[in-house]
Amino acid sequence: MVGSVLTTIFTMVYGFRMVPALGLAVYCAAILILPRLAASGDSDRQFALG
């Protein structure tokens, strides 16, 4: 729900060309950050992809 609203707002502010680039940057950042979060987490807590 939040993603669709933010996409609409970002499209109105930045335009259609910038929104896919911004989405790609967010996904790339998540891919880089997720393994570090999983490695630094407690042994009781596990992060699952998917």
PDB file of N, CA and C in Angstrom:
ATOM      1  N   MET A   1       0.820  -1.180   0.000  1.00  0.00           N
ATOM      2  CA  MET A   1       0.000   0.000   0.000  1.00  0.00           C
ATOM      3  C   MET A   1       0.873   1.256   0.000  1.00  0.00           C
ATOM      4  N   VAL A   2       1.871   1.281   0.822  1.00  0.00           N
ATOM      5  CA  VAL A   2       2.707   2.475   0.915  1.00  0.00           C
ATOM      6  C   VAL A   2       3.499   2.674  -0.373  1.00  0.00           C
ATOM      7  N   GLY A   3       3.964   1.584  -0.961  1.00  0.00           N
ATOM      8  CA  GLY A   3       4.764   1.681  -2.176  1.00  0.00           C
ATOM      9  C   GLY A   3       4.002   2.297  -3.335  1.00  0.00           C
ATOM     10  N   SER A   4       2.745   1.937  -3.498  1.00  0.00           N
ATOM     11  CA  SER A   4       1.972   2.487  -4.609  1.00  0.00           C
ATOM     12  C   SER A   4       1.707   3.977  -4.422  1.00  0.00           C
ATOM     13  N   VAL A   5       1.469   4.408  -3.191  1.00  0.00           N
ATOM     14  CA  VAL A   5       1.254   5.827  -2.917  1.00  0.00           C
ATOM     15  C   VAL A   5       2.549   6.605  -3.126  1.00  0.00           C
ATOM     16  N   LEU A   6       3.658   6.075  -2.626  1.00  0.00           N
ATOM     17  CA  LEU A   6       4.944   6.760  -2.808  1.00  0.00           C
ATOM     18  C   LEU A   6       5.336   6.830  -4.275  1.00  0.00           C
ATOM     19  N   THR A   7       5.043   5.776  -5.032  1.00  0.00           N
ATOM     20  CA  THR A   7       5.351   5.786  -6.462  1.00  0.00           C
ATOM     21  C   THR A   7       4.577   6.889  -7.169  1.00  0.00           C
ATOM     22  N   THR A   8       3.322   7.046  -6.835  1.00  0.00           N
ATOM     23  CA  THR A   8       2.513   8.107  -7.442  1.00  0.00           C
ATOM     24  C   THR A   8       3.064   9.479  -7.090  1.00  0.00           C
ATOM     25  N   ILE A   9       3.415   9.686  -5.836  1.00  0.00           N
ATOM     26  CA  ILE A   9       3.951  10.974  -5.410  1.00  0.00           C
ATOM     27  C   ILE A   9       5.294  11.252  -6.079  1.00  0.00           C
ATOM     28  N   PHE A  10       6.184  10.268  -6.085  1.00  0.00           N
ATOM     29  CA  PHE A  10       7.492  10.459  -6.720  1.00  0.00           C
ATOM     30  C   PHE A  10       7.352  10.710  -8.214  1.00  0.00           C
ATOM     31  N   THR A  11       6.381  10.058  -8.861  1.00  0.00           N
ATOM     32  CA  THR A  11       6.166  10.277 -10.287  1.00  0.00           C
ATOM     33  C   THR A  11       5.717  11.719 -10.552  1.00  0.00           C
ATOM     34  N   MET A  12       4.845  12.241  -9.717  1.00  0.00           N
ATOM     35  CA  MET A  12       4.384  13.618  -9.894  1.00  0.00           C
ATOM     36  C   MET A  12       5.505  14.625  -9.633  1.00  0.00           C
ATOM     37  N   VAL A  13       6.376  14.319  -8.676  1.00  0.00           N
ATOM     38  CA  VAL A  13       7.429  15.260  -8.313  1.00  0.00           C
ATOM     39  C   VAL A  13       8.629  15.154  -9.260  1.00  0.00           C
ATOM     40  N   TYR A  14       9.092  13.932  -9.529  1.00  0.00           N
ATOM     41  CA  TYR A  14      10.338  13.734 -10.265  1.00  0.00           C
ATOM     42  C   TYR A  14      10.140  13.305 -11.722  1.00  0.00           C
ATOM     43  N   GLY A  15       8.982  12.806 -12.079  1.00  0.00           N
ATOM     44  CA  GLY A  15       8.733  12.393 -13.451  1.00  0.00           C
ATOM     45  C   GLY A  15       8.886  10.890 -13.638  1.00  0.00           C
ATOM     46  N   PHE A  16       8.399  10.433 -14.807  1.00  0.00           N
ATOM     47  CA  PHE A  16       8.381   8.999 -15.079  1.00  0.00           C
ATOM     48  C   PHE A  16       9.769   8.410 -15.293  1.00  0.00           C
ATOM     49  N   ARG A  17      10.714   9.194 -15.714  1.00  0.00           N
ATOM     50  CA  ARG A  17      12.053   8.653 -15.973  1.00  0.00           C
ATOM     51  C   ARG A  17      12.833   8.398 -14.686  1.00  0.00           C
ATOM     52  N   MET A  18      12.564   9.156 -13.656  1.00  0.00           N
ATOM     53  CA  MET A  18      13.344   9.041 -12.428  1.00  0.00           C
ATOM     54  C   MET A  18      12.853   7.917 -11.518  1.00  0.00           C
ATOM     55  N   VAL A  19      11.575   7.600 -11.557  1.00  0.00           N
ATOM     56  CA  VAL A  19      11.007   6.619 -10.628  1.00  0.00           C
ATOM     57  C   VAL A  19      11.592   5.215 -10.815  1.00  0.00           C
ATOM     58  N   PRO A  20      11.730   4.680 -12.032  1.00  0.00           N
ATOM     59  CA  PRO A  20      12.367   3.352 -12.156  1.00  0.00           C
ATOM     60  C   PRO A  20      13.819   3.355 -11.683  1.00  0.00           C
ATOM     61  N   ALA A  21      14.541   4.438 -11.926  1.00  0.00           N
ATOM     62  CA  ALA A  21      15.927   4.522 -11.454  1.00  0.00           C
ATOM     63  C   ALA A  21      15.971   4.539  -9.927  1.00  0.00           C
ATOM     64  N   LEU A  22      15.050   5.252  -9.327  1.00  0.00           N
ATOM     65  CA  LEU A  22      14.979   5.284  -7.866  1.00  0.00           C
ATOM     66  C   LEU A  22      14.624   3.913  -7.302  1.00  0.00           C
ATOM     67  N   GLY A  23      13.687   3.223  -7.943  1.00  0.00           N
ATOM     68  CA  GLY A  23      13.324   1.870  -7.516  1.00  0.00           C
ATOM     69  C   GLY A  23      14.494   0.910  -7.625  1.00  0.00           C
ATOM     70  N   LEU A  24      15.238   1.019  -8.718  1.00  0.00           N
ATOM     71  CA  LEU A  24      16.416   0.176  -8.906  1.00  0.00           C
ATOM     72  C   LEU A  24      17.457   0.451  -7.825  1.00  0.00           C
ATOM     73  N   ALA A  25      17.644   1.711  -7.486  1.00  0.00           N
ATOM     74  CA  ALA A  25      18.613   2.071  -6.440  1.00  0.00           C
ATOM     75  C   ALA A  25      18.192   1.502  -5.083  1.00  0.00           C
ATOM     76  N   VAL A  26      16.907   1.534  -4.792  1.00  0.00           N
ATOM     77  CA  VAL A  26      16.411   0.998  -3.515  1.00  0.00           C
ATOM     78  C   VAL A  26      16.620  -0.514  -3.450  1.00  0.00           C
ATOM     79  N   TYR A  27      16.321  -1.214  -4.549  1.00  0.00           N
ATOM     80  CA  TYR A  27      16.527  -2.665  -4.573  1.00  0.00           C
ATOM     81  C   TYR A  27      18.006  -3.022  -4.457  1.00  0.00           C
ATOM     82  N   CYS A  28      18.869  -2.276  -5.136  1.00  0.00           N
ATOM     83  CA  CYS A  28      20.312  -2.536  -5.046  1.00  0.00           C
ATOM     84  C   CYS A  28      20.822  -2.306  -3.622  1.00  0.00           C
ATOM     85  N   ALA A  29      20.340  -1.248  -2.986  1.00  0.00           N
ATOM     86  CA  ALA A  29      20.740  -0.985  -1.604  1.00  0.00           C
ATOM     87  C   ALA A  29      20.278  -2.115  -0.690  1.00  0.00           C
ATOM     88  N   ALA A  30      19.068  -2.620  -0.904  1.00  0.00           N
ATOM     89  CA  ALA A  30      18.562  -3.724  -0.083  1.00  0.00           C
ATOM     90  C   ALA A  30      19.398  -4.981  -0.278  1.00  0.00           C
ATOM     91  N   ILE A  31      19.798  -5.242  -1.518  1.00  0.00           N
ATOM     92  CA  ILE A  31      20.620  -6.424  -1.790  1.00  0.00           C
ATOM     93  C   ILE A  31      21.967  -6.318  -1.086  1.00  0.00           C
ATOM     94  N   LEU A  32      22.523  -5.120  -1.033  1.00  0.00           N
ATOM     95  CA  LEU A  32      23.813  -4.937  -0.375  1.00  0.00           C
ATOM     96  C   LEU A  32      23.703  -4.954   1.147  1.00  0.00           C
ATOM     97  N   ILE A  33      22.605  -4.472   1.690  1.00  0.00           N
ATOM     98  CA  ILE A  33      22.449  -4.344   3.141  1.00  0.00           C
ATOM     99  C   ILE A  33      21.975  -5.645   3.788  1.00  0.00           C
ATOM    100  N   LEU A  34      21.130  -6.407   3.111  1.00  0.00           N
ATOM    101  CA  LEU A  34      20.527  -7.599   3.713  1.00  0.00           C
ATOM    102  C   LEU A  34      21.546  -8.621   4.225  1.00  0.00           C
ATOM    103  N   PRO A  35      22.597  -8.967   3.476  1.00  0.00           N
ATOM    104  CA  PRO A  35      23.559  -9.930   4.028  1.00  0.00           C
ATOM    105  C   PRO A  35      24.273  -9.411   5.286  1.00  0.00           C
ATOM    106  N   ARG A  36      24.520  -8.131   5.343  1.00  0.00           N
ATOM    107  CA  ARG A  36      25.166  -7.567   6.540  1.00  0.00           C
ATOM    108  C   ARG A  36      24.235  -7.617   7.739  1.00  0.00           C
ATOM    109  N   LEU A  37      22.961  -7.367   7.513  1.00  0.00           N
ATOM    110  CA  LEU A  37      22.000  -7.467   8.613  1.00  0.00           C
ATOM    111  C   LEU A  37      21.885  -8.901   9.102  1.00  0.00           C
ATOM    112  N   ALA A  38      21.873  -9.841   8.185  1.00  0.00           N
ATOM    113  CA  ALA A  38      21.760 -11.252   8.563  1.00  0.00           C
ATOM    114  C   ALA A  38      22.999 -11.710   9.326  1.00  0.00           C
ATOM    115  N   ALA A  39      24.167 -11.235   8.928  1.00  0.00           N
ATOM    116  CA  ALA A  39      25.405 -11.647   9.587  1.00  0.00           C
ATOM    117  C   ALA A  39      25.551 -11.014  10.969  1.00  0.00           C
ATOM    118  N   SER A  40      25.010  -9.822  11.139  1.00  0.00           N
ATOM    119  CA  SER A  40      25.178  -9.141  12.420  1.00  0.00           C
ATOM    120  C   SER A  40      24.035  -9.417  13.392  1.00  0.00           C
ATOM    121  N   GLY A  41      23.031 -10.178  12.970  1.00  0.00           N
ATOM    122  CA  GLY A  41      21.877 -10.455  13.819  1.00  0.00           C
ATOM    123  C   GLY A  41      22.181 -11.477  14.893  1.00  0.00           C
ATOM    124  N   ASP A  42      21.244 -11.600  15.816  1.00  0.00           N
ATOM    125  CA  ASP A  42      21.377 -12.604  16.871  1.00  0.00           C
ATOM    126  C   ASP A  42      21.253 -14.000  16.272  1.00  0.00           C
ATOM    127  N   SER A  43      21.771 -14.995  16.977  1.00  0.00           N
ATOM    128  CA  SER A  43      21.680 -16.366  16.484  1.00  0.00           C
ATOM    129  C   SER A  43      20.240 -16.887  16.552  1.00  0.00           C
ATOM    130  N   ASP A  44      19.412 -16.305  17.413  1.00  0.00           N
ATOM    131  CA  ASP A  44      18.017 -16.725  17.513  1.00  0.00           C
ATOM    132  C   ASP A  44      17.173 -16.203  16.358  1.00  0.00           C
ATOM    133  N   ARG A  45      17.614 -15.112  15.758  1.00  0.00           N
ATOM    134  CA  ARG A  45      16.834 -14.467  14.701  1.00  0.00           C
ATOM    135  C   ARG A  45      17.499 -14.721  13.356  1.00  0.00           C
ATOM    136  N   GLN A  46      16.706 -15.147  12.392  1.00  0.00           N
ATOM    137  CA  GLN A  46      17.245 -15.398  11.053  1.00  0.00           C
ATOM    138  C   GLN A  46      16.441 -14.602  10.044  1.00  0.00           C
ATOM    139  N   PHE A  47      17.111 -14.097   9.031  1.00  0.00           N
ATOM    140  CA  PHE A  47      16.446 -13.371   7.964  1.00  0.00           C
ATOM    141  C   PHE A  47      16.289 -14.317   6.781  1.00  0.00           C
ATOM    142  N   ALA A  48      15.109 -14.335   6.202  1.00  0.00           N
ATOM    143  CA  ALA A  48      14.838 -15.205   5.062  1.00  0.00           C
ATOM    144  C   ALA A  48      14.545 -14.346   3.840  1.00  0.00           C
ATOM    145  N   LEU A  49      15.096 -14.742   2.719  1.00  0.00           N
ATOM    146  CA  LEU A  49      14.788 -14.067   1.467  1.00  0.00           C
ATOM    147  C   LEU A  49      13.536 -14.661   0.876  1.00  0.00           C
ATOM    148  N   GLY A  50      12.653 -13.789   0.416  1.00  0.00           N
ATOM    149  CA  GLY A  50      11.456 -14.284  -0.269  1.00  0.00           C
ATOM    150  C   GLY A  50      10.295 -14.238   0.566  1.00  0.00           C
TER     151      GLY A  50
END
